[in-house]
Amino acid sequence: MVVTVTRAAIVSSRRITGLSPDVSAELVADLGPLWHERHQAKLASRPRKWAVGAGAKHRLVFVDRLLATLVHLRHGVTHDVLACWFDVDRSTITRAIGEVRPLLAERGCMISPGVRLRTLAEVIDHLGASGQTGIIDGTELRVRRPAAGRKDRDRFISGKNKQNAVKAMVFTDGEGRLLFCSPAKPGSCADITHARDLGLVRLLADGPEVEILADAGYQGLGAQTGGRVVTPPHRKFKKNAPDWYEEMHERQRKAHSSRRIRVEHGIAHLKNWRALTRHLGRREHMSDMVQAVASLLSHQQTVDLSPRRQR
C-alpha cells in the first residue's frame, strides 16, 4: 500500500520527476520490454541450478525502478532514502538505477515523435536537411577527487574552474533545443580537443553545409571546416585600438553572443537536474548520467512543443 501511494505521488507531480505523466507513461512502454529482455538474457547467460523464472520474485517492479531512477537524477536523492520510500533494500535501488540509467542514455535526443538523434553524425545530417543553425558549447560537471597515488589524478582538474570535473559537449539548435550530449571526458580536456576527438571536423568537412555557432574556446575550427564553425571575431589590435575598431568589434561580439546564448539556456536546463550539479559517486557513470538527462529533457521538450499542446 505504501509503495502504491508513493508511485502515484511521484507520477502525478512534474516537480518530482521533471516529466509530465504522459512522458513517464511513454518511458514505461518503451523501456519496460527492453529491460525485461536484457534481464532474461542475463539470467540465461550463466550456469543455473534453477530454471529461469524460478525462485524469489522481484519486489521492485520495473515502473518503480524507473521512478526511483528519475527521482535520483532530478533531485539527487540518496539510495538510502529511495529504499525507504519503496520499502526495499538499498542495494536493490542501487542495482535498479544501474540498470535503468544506461537504457535512458541509449535513447538519444528526441526531435519529433518517433525520431531520435543518437550520434553526432545524425545531428549534422538533421541540421543540413532542415537548414537550421547548430550551437555547441562545453559544460563541466563537478566530481569527487580521485584517490591519492592514481596516475591519472590530475586529468580531472579543470584549468578553468580549478576543480575536479568531467566535461561534456552540448549541441542544440538555434532555439536551444537539445540535439546531442557527448560522453563525458576528464576536465583537463580542452573544448576544441573534445570536439576534434568526437569527429566534428571530419563530419562538417565531408557532410552537408551547416552553420555551427561556438564560443572562443573553439577558435581554430573555422579554418579547419571551411568557415562552418563561427566563433567570436578576433581582435586585430592588442592595445591602442582606434575607437572605431573598438565599437565595431563590440558590436560584432554582441551580435554573435546574442545568437549563441541559446546553448547556455539548454545547459541551464541540464543543470536543473541535481545529479549533474555535483556527483559523489563513480566518475565512470557520468557519461550515462548526462546523456540520460539530455534524453529525458529532449523528450519533454518535444511533448511541450507539439502542435496539440500549443493549441
Protein backbone atom coordinates (compact mmCIF):
# COMPACT_ATOMS: atom_id res chain seq x y z
CA MET A 1 0.00 0.00 0.00
CA VAL A 2 2.82 2.40 0.89
CA VAL A 3 4.61 1.71 -2.41
CA THR A 4 1.38 2.25 -4.37
CA VAL A 5 0.84 5.65 -2.75
CA THR A 6 4.49 6.60 -3.36
CA ARG A 7 4.24 5.59 -7.02
CA ALA A 8 1.05 7.60 -7.58
CA ALA A 9 2.50 10.69 -5.90
CA ILE A 10 5.70 10.57 -7.97
CA VAL A 11 3.93 10.06 -11.31
CA SER A 12 1.31 12.75 -10.75
CA SER A 13 3.74 15.58 -9.89
CA ARG A 14 6.05 17.01 -12.54
CA ARG A 15 8.05 18.70 -9.80
CA ILE A 16 9.25 15.33 -8.54
CA THR A 17 10.43 13.70 -11.77
CA GLY A 18 10.75 16.75 -14.04
CA LEU A 19 8.49 14.94 -16.53
CA SER A 20 4.79 15.00 -17.27
CA PRO A 21 2.70 11.87 -16.58
CA ASP A 22 2.36 11.29 -20.35
CA VAL A 23 6.14 11.20 -20.82
CA SER A 24 6.54 8.88 -17.82
CA ALA A 25 3.97 6.52 -19.33
CA GLU A 26 5.82 6.53 -22.67
CA LEU A 27 9.07 5.71 -20.89
CA VAL A 28 7.47 2.72 -19.21
CA ALA A 29 6.07 1.47 -22.52
CA ASP A 30 9.38 1.95 -24.38
CA LEU A 31 11.89 0.75 -21.80
CA GLY A 32 9.91 -1.92 -19.96
CA PRO A 33 10.17 -4.62 -22.66
CA LEU A 34 13.82 -3.77 -23.32
CA TRP A 35 14.72 -4.05 -19.62
CA HIS A 36 12.86 -7.36 -19.34
CA GLU A 37 14.63 -8.72 -22.42
CA ARG A 38 18.07 -7.81 -21.11
CA HIS A 39 17.25 -9.16 -17.68
CA GLN A 40 16.18 -12.51 -19.09
CA ALA A 41 19.26 -12.66 -21.32
CA LYS A 42 21.48 -12.07 -18.31
CA LEU A 43 19.78 -14.84 -16.39
CA ALA A 44 20.11 -17.27 -19.28
CA SER A 45 23.77 -16.45 -19.91
CA ARG A 46 25.11 -18.03 -16.72
CA PRO A 47 25.01 -21.57 -15.30
CA ARG A 48 21.89 -22.10 -13.18
CA LYS A 49 20.64 -24.73 -10.76
CA TRP A 50 17.07 -23.48 -11.12
CA ALA A 51 15.18 -22.78 -14.31
CA VAL A 52 14.79 -19.18 -15.46
CA GLY A 53 11.76 -17.73 -13.68
CA ALA A 54 12.06 -19.92 -10.61
CA GLY A 55 12.98 -18.60 -7.19
CA ALA A 56 12.05 -15.35 -5.48
CA LYS A 57 10.22 -12.72 -7.50
CA HIS A 58 11.13 -9.04 -7.78
CA ARG A 59 9.67 -6.84 -5.07
CA LEU A 60 10.57 -3.77 -7.11
CA VAL A 61 8.72 -3.85 -10.44
CA PHE A 62 10.07 -2.01 -13.48
CA VAL A 63 7.79 1.01 -13.03
CA ASP A 64 9.21 1.60 -9.57
CA ARG A 65 12.77 1.08 -10.83
CA LEU A 66 12.22 3.75 -13.46
CA LEU A 67 10.64 6.18 -10.99
CA ALA A 68 13.45 5.69 -8.50
CA THR A 69 15.98 6.49 -11.24
CA LEU A 70 14.09 9.62 -12.31
CA VAL A 71 13.85 10.94 -8.74
CA HIS A 72 17.54 10.23 -8.18
CA LEU A 73 18.53 12.13 -11.35
CA ARG A 74 16.15 15.03 -10.77
CA HIS A 75 16.81 15.71 -7.09
CA GLY A 76 19.93 13.73 -6.21
CA VAL A 77 18.01 11.72 -3.61
CA THR A 78 20.27 9.16 -1.95
CA HIS A 79 19.75 5.44 -2.45
CA ASP A 80 19.00 5.00 1.24
CA VAL A 81 16.07 7.43 1.11
CA LEU A 82 14.70 5.83 -2.04
CA ALA A 83 14.96 2.43 -0.39
CA CYS A 84 12.77 3.70 2.45
CA TRP A 85 10.23 5.15 0.01
CA PHE A 86 9.88 1.91 -1.94
CA ASP A 87 10.29 -0.41 1.06
CA VAL A 88 13.26 -2.36 -0.33
CA ASP A 89 16.94 -2.74 0.50
CA ARG A 90 19.40 -0.03 -0.54
CA SER A 91 21.32 -2.48 -2.76
CA THR A 92 18.10 -3.10 -4.72
CA ILE A 93 17.82 0.62 -5.50
CA THR A 94 21.50 0.81 -6.47
CA ARG A 95 21.13 -2.15 -8.82
CA ALA A 96 17.89 -0.75 -10.29
CA ILE A 97 19.43 2.65 -11.06
CA GLY A 98 22.47 0.97 -12.57
CA GLU A 99 20.21 -0.98 -14.94
CA VAL A 100 17.79 1.81 -15.95
CA ARG A 101 20.25 4.68 -16.36
CA PRO A 102 22.05 3.13 -19.41
CA LEU A 103 18.68 2.45 -21.03
CA LEU A 104 17.80 6.12 -20.75
CA ALA A 105 21.21 7.18 -22.09
CA GLU A 106 20.87 4.96 -25.17
CA ARG A 107 17.56 6.53 -26.22
CA GLY A 108 19.19 9.65 -27.70
CA CYS A 109 17.58 13.07 -28.01
CA MET A 110 14.04 13.24 -29.41
CA ILE A 111 13.37 15.92 -32.03
CA SER A 112 9.90 14.73 -33.05
CA PRO A 113 7.69 11.79 -32.09
CA GLY A 114 9.49 8.63 -33.15
CA VAL A 115 12.63 10.43 -34.39
CA ARG A 116 15.76 10.42 -32.24
CA LEU A 117 19.35 11.61 -32.70
CA ARG A 118 21.88 9.28 -31.09
CA THR A 119 25.17 10.24 -32.78
CA LEU A 120 26.89 13.44 -33.83
CA ALA A 121 26.67 12.37 -37.48
CA GLU A 122 22.88 12.14 -37.22
CA VAL A 123 22.78 15.64 -35.72
CA ILE A 124 24.79 17.12 -38.61
CA ASP A 125 22.58 15.37 -41.16
CA HIS A 126 19.45 16.64 -39.40
CA LEU A 127 20.68 20.24 -39.37
CA GLY A 128 21.68 20.02 -43.01
CA ALA A 129 18.32 18.59 -44.08
CA SER A 130 16.32 21.14 -42.07
CA GLY A 131 18.56 24.13 -42.83
CA GLN A 132 18.90 25.04 -39.16
CA THR A 133 21.85 26.52 -37.30
CA GLY A 134 23.56 24.46 -34.62
CA ILE A 135 25.22 25.71 -31.43
CA ILE A 136 27.87 23.88 -29.42
CA ASP A 137 29.41 24.50 -26.04
CA GLY A 138 31.21 22.54 -23.35
CA THR A 139 29.94 22.20 -19.80
CA GLU A 140 31.77 20.92 -16.74
CA LEU A 141 30.25 18.61 -14.14
CA ARG A 142 31.91 18.51 -10.76
CA VAL A 143 33.01 15.09 -9.48
CA ARG A 144 34.84 13.79 -6.42
CA ARG A 145 38.62 13.92 -6.35
CA PRO A 146 40.45 10.74 -7.43
CA ALA A 147 42.30 8.86 -4.71
CA ALA A 148 45.89 9.82 -3.95
CA GLY A 149 48.50 7.93 -5.90
CA ARG A 150 46.44 7.40 -9.06
CA LYS A 151 48.40 8.06 -12.25
CA ASP A 152 45.57 9.99 -13.88
CA ARG A 153 44.63 12.02 -10.83
CA ASP A 154 45.49 15.38 -12.42
CA ARG A 155 43.48 14.66 -15.58
CA PHE A 156 40.24 15.60 -13.82
CA ILE A 157 41.41 19.06 -12.70
CA SER A 158 39.71 21.76 -14.76
CA GLY A 159 42.03 24.57 -15.82
CA LYS A 160 39.09 26.98 -15.95
CA ASN A 161 37.34 26.30 -12.64
CA LYS A 162 40.29 24.78 -10.74
CA GLN A 163 38.19 21.86 -9.51
CA ASN A 164 37.81 18.16 -10.23
CA ALA A 165 35.33 17.78 -13.06
CA VAL A 166 34.36 15.96 -16.20
CA LYS A 167 33.37 17.72 -19.41
CA ALA A 168 30.59 17.12 -21.93
CA MET A 169 29.84 18.86 -25.22
CA VAL A 170 26.23 20.02 -25.62
CA PHE A 171 24.71 20.50 -29.08
CA THR A 172 21.48 22.49 -29.55
CA ASP A 173 19.64 24.05 -32.44
CA GLY A 174 19.10 27.79 -32.86
CA GLU A 175 16.14 27.70 -30.46
CA GLY A 176 18.05 25.98 -27.67
CA ARG A 177 16.50 22.51 -28.07
CA LEU A 178 18.85 19.71 -27.08
CA LEU A 179 20.05 17.65 -30.03
CA PHE A 180 23.07 15.81 -28.63
CA CYS A 181 25.12 15.45 -25.47
CA SER A 182 28.51 13.77 -25.73
CA PRO A 183 30.03 11.23 -23.36
CA ALA A 184 31.98 12.84 -20.53
CA LYS A 185 35.74 13.30 -20.65
CA PRO A 186 38.18 14.40 -17.89
CA GLY A 187 38.02 18.10 -17.05
CA SER A 188 41.55 18.85 -18.29
CA CYS A 189 40.46 18.22 -21.90
CA ALA A 190 40.08 21.47 -23.86
CA ASP A 191 36.78 22.18 -25.59
CA ILE A 192 38.34 22.24 -29.04
CA THR A 193 40.18 18.97 -28.40
CA HIS A 194 36.97 17.33 -27.27
CA ALA A 195 35.20 18.45 -30.45
CA ARG A 196 38.01 17.08 -32.62
CA ASP A 197 38.01 13.76 -30.76
CA LEU A 198 34.28 13.44 -31.41
CA GLY A 199 34.95 13.82 -35.15
CA LEU A 200 33.19 17.17 -35.60
CA VAL A 201 35.80 18.49 -38.05
CA ARG A 202 35.52 15.45 -40.32
CA LEU A 203 31.72 15.44 -40.20
CA LEU A 204 31.49 19.11 -41.17
CA ALA A 205 34.13 18.81 -43.89
CA ASP A 206 32.51 15.76 -45.52
CA GLY A 207 28.88 16.39 -44.66
CA PRO A 208 26.22 18.94 -45.58
CA GLU A 209 26.82 22.67 -45.38
CA VAL A 210 25.82 23.62 -41.84
CA GLU A 211 26.49 26.72 -39.74
CA ILE A 212 27.70 25.95 -36.21
CA LEU A 213 27.99 28.72 -33.61
CA ALA A 214 30.62 28.36 -30.89
CA ASP A 215 32.45 30.44 -28.30
CA ALA A 216 36.11 31.46 -28.24
CA GLY A 217 37.13 28.05 -26.90
CA TYR A 218 36.58 26.63 -30.39
CA GLN A 219 38.57 29.23 -32.32
CA GLY A 220 40.54 27.38 -34.96
CA LEU A 221 37.77 25.03 -36.03
CA GLY A 222 36.51 27.60 -38.53
CA ALA A 223 39.65 27.33 -40.62
CA GLN A 224 39.55 23.51 -40.47
CA THR A 225 35.90 23.29 -41.55
CA GLY A 226 35.79 25.89 -44.29
CA GLY A 227 34.16 28.53 -42.11
CA ARG A 228 31.26 26.33 -40.98
CA VAL A 229 32.14 26.82 -37.30
CA VAL A 230 31.58 30.50 -36.49
CA THR A 231 33.37 31.87 -33.41
CA PRO A 232 33.61 35.40 -31.94
CA PRO A 233 35.72 37.82 -34.03
CA HIS A 234 39.45 38.02 -33.32
CA ARG A 235 40.99 41.23 -32.01
CA LYS A 236 43.41 42.66 -34.55
CA PHE A 237 44.72 45.29 -32.15
CA LYS A 238 46.22 44.06 -28.90
CA LYS A 239 46.45 47.58 -27.49
CA ASN A 240 45.88 51.19 -28.52
CA ALA A 241 42.98 50.16 -30.77
CA PRO A 242 41.15 53.01 -32.57
CA ASP A 243 37.77 53.96 -31.20
CA TRP A 244 36.01 52.94 -34.43
CA TYR A 245 37.54 49.46 -34.20
CA GLU A 246 36.52 49.02 -30.55
CA GLU A 247 32.96 49.97 -31.40
CA MET A 248 32.83 47.62 -34.40
CA HIS A 249 34.40 44.72 -32.51
CA GLU A 250 31.99 45.11 -29.59
CA ARG A 251 29.02 45.23 -31.94
CA GLN A 252 30.12 42.05 -33.74
CA ARG A 253 30.85 40.27 -30.47
CA LYS A 254 27.43 41.08 -29.03
CA ALA A 255 25.68 40.02 -32.24
CA HIS A 256 27.41 36.63 -32.08
CA SER A 257 26.75 36.25 -28.36
CA SER A 258 23.05 37.02 -28.73
CA ARG A 259 22.70 34.11 -31.18
CA ARG A 260 24.89 31.70 -29.23
CA ILE A 261 23.20 32.29 -25.85
CA ARG A 262 20.57 29.64 -26.63
CA VAL A 263 23.00 26.83 -25.88
CA GLU A 264 23.57 28.30 -22.42
CA HIS A 265 19.83 28.02 -21.81
CA GLY A 266 19.97 24.36 -22.83
CA ILE A 267 22.85 23.73 -20.43
CA ALA A 268 20.97 25.53 -17.66
CA HIS A 269 18.06 23.10 -18.10
CA LEU A 270 20.51 20.21 -17.76
CA LYS A 271 21.98 21.65 -14.56
CA ASN A 272 18.48 21.90 -13.05
CA TRP A 273 18.78 18.16 -12.51
CA ARG A 274 20.55 17.87 -9.19
CA ALA A 275 22.54 14.78 -10.14
CA LEU A 276 24.55 16.92 -12.60
CA THR A 277 25.44 19.72 -10.18
CA ARG A 278 27.88 17.61 -8.21
CA HIS A 279 28.36 13.86 -8.42
CA LEU A 280 29.79 11.98 -5.45
CA GLY A 281 29.56 8.51 -6.98
CA ARG A 282 31.71 6.82 -9.58
CA ARG A 283 33.06 9.13 -12.27
CA GLU A 284 32.60 6.36 -14.84
CA HIS A 285 28.82 6.81 -14.51
CA MET A 286 28.80 10.47 -15.53
CA SER A 287 28.57 9.76 -19.27
CA ASP A 288 25.41 7.70 -18.82
CA MET A 289 24.04 10.23 -16.35
CA VAL A 290 24.39 13.35 -18.51
CA GLN A 291 23.17 11.55 -21.63
CA ALA A 292 20.19 10.14 -19.75
CA VAL A 293 19.17 13.60 -18.53
CA ALA A 294 19.61 15.04 -22.04
CA SER A 295 17.38 12.30 -23.44
CA LEU A 296 14.67 12.96 -20.86
CA LEU A 297 14.77 16.73 -21.39
CA SER A 298 14.57 16.45 -25.16
CA HIS A 299 11.59 14.11 -24.84
CA GLN A 300 9.76 16.56 -22.57
CA GLN A 301 10.63 19.49 -24.84
CA THR A 302 9.19 17.66 -27.85
CA VAL A 303 5.95 16.93 -25.99
CA ASP A 304 5.66 20.52 -24.75
CA LEU A 305 6.23 21.95 -28.24
CA SER A 306 3.86 19.59 -30.05
CA PRO A 307 1.08 21.32 -32.05
CA ARG A 308 -1.61 19.75 -29.88
CA ARG A 309 -0.03 21.22 -26.73
CA GLN A 310 0.43 24.64 -28.37
CA ARG A 311 -3.28 24.84 -29.23
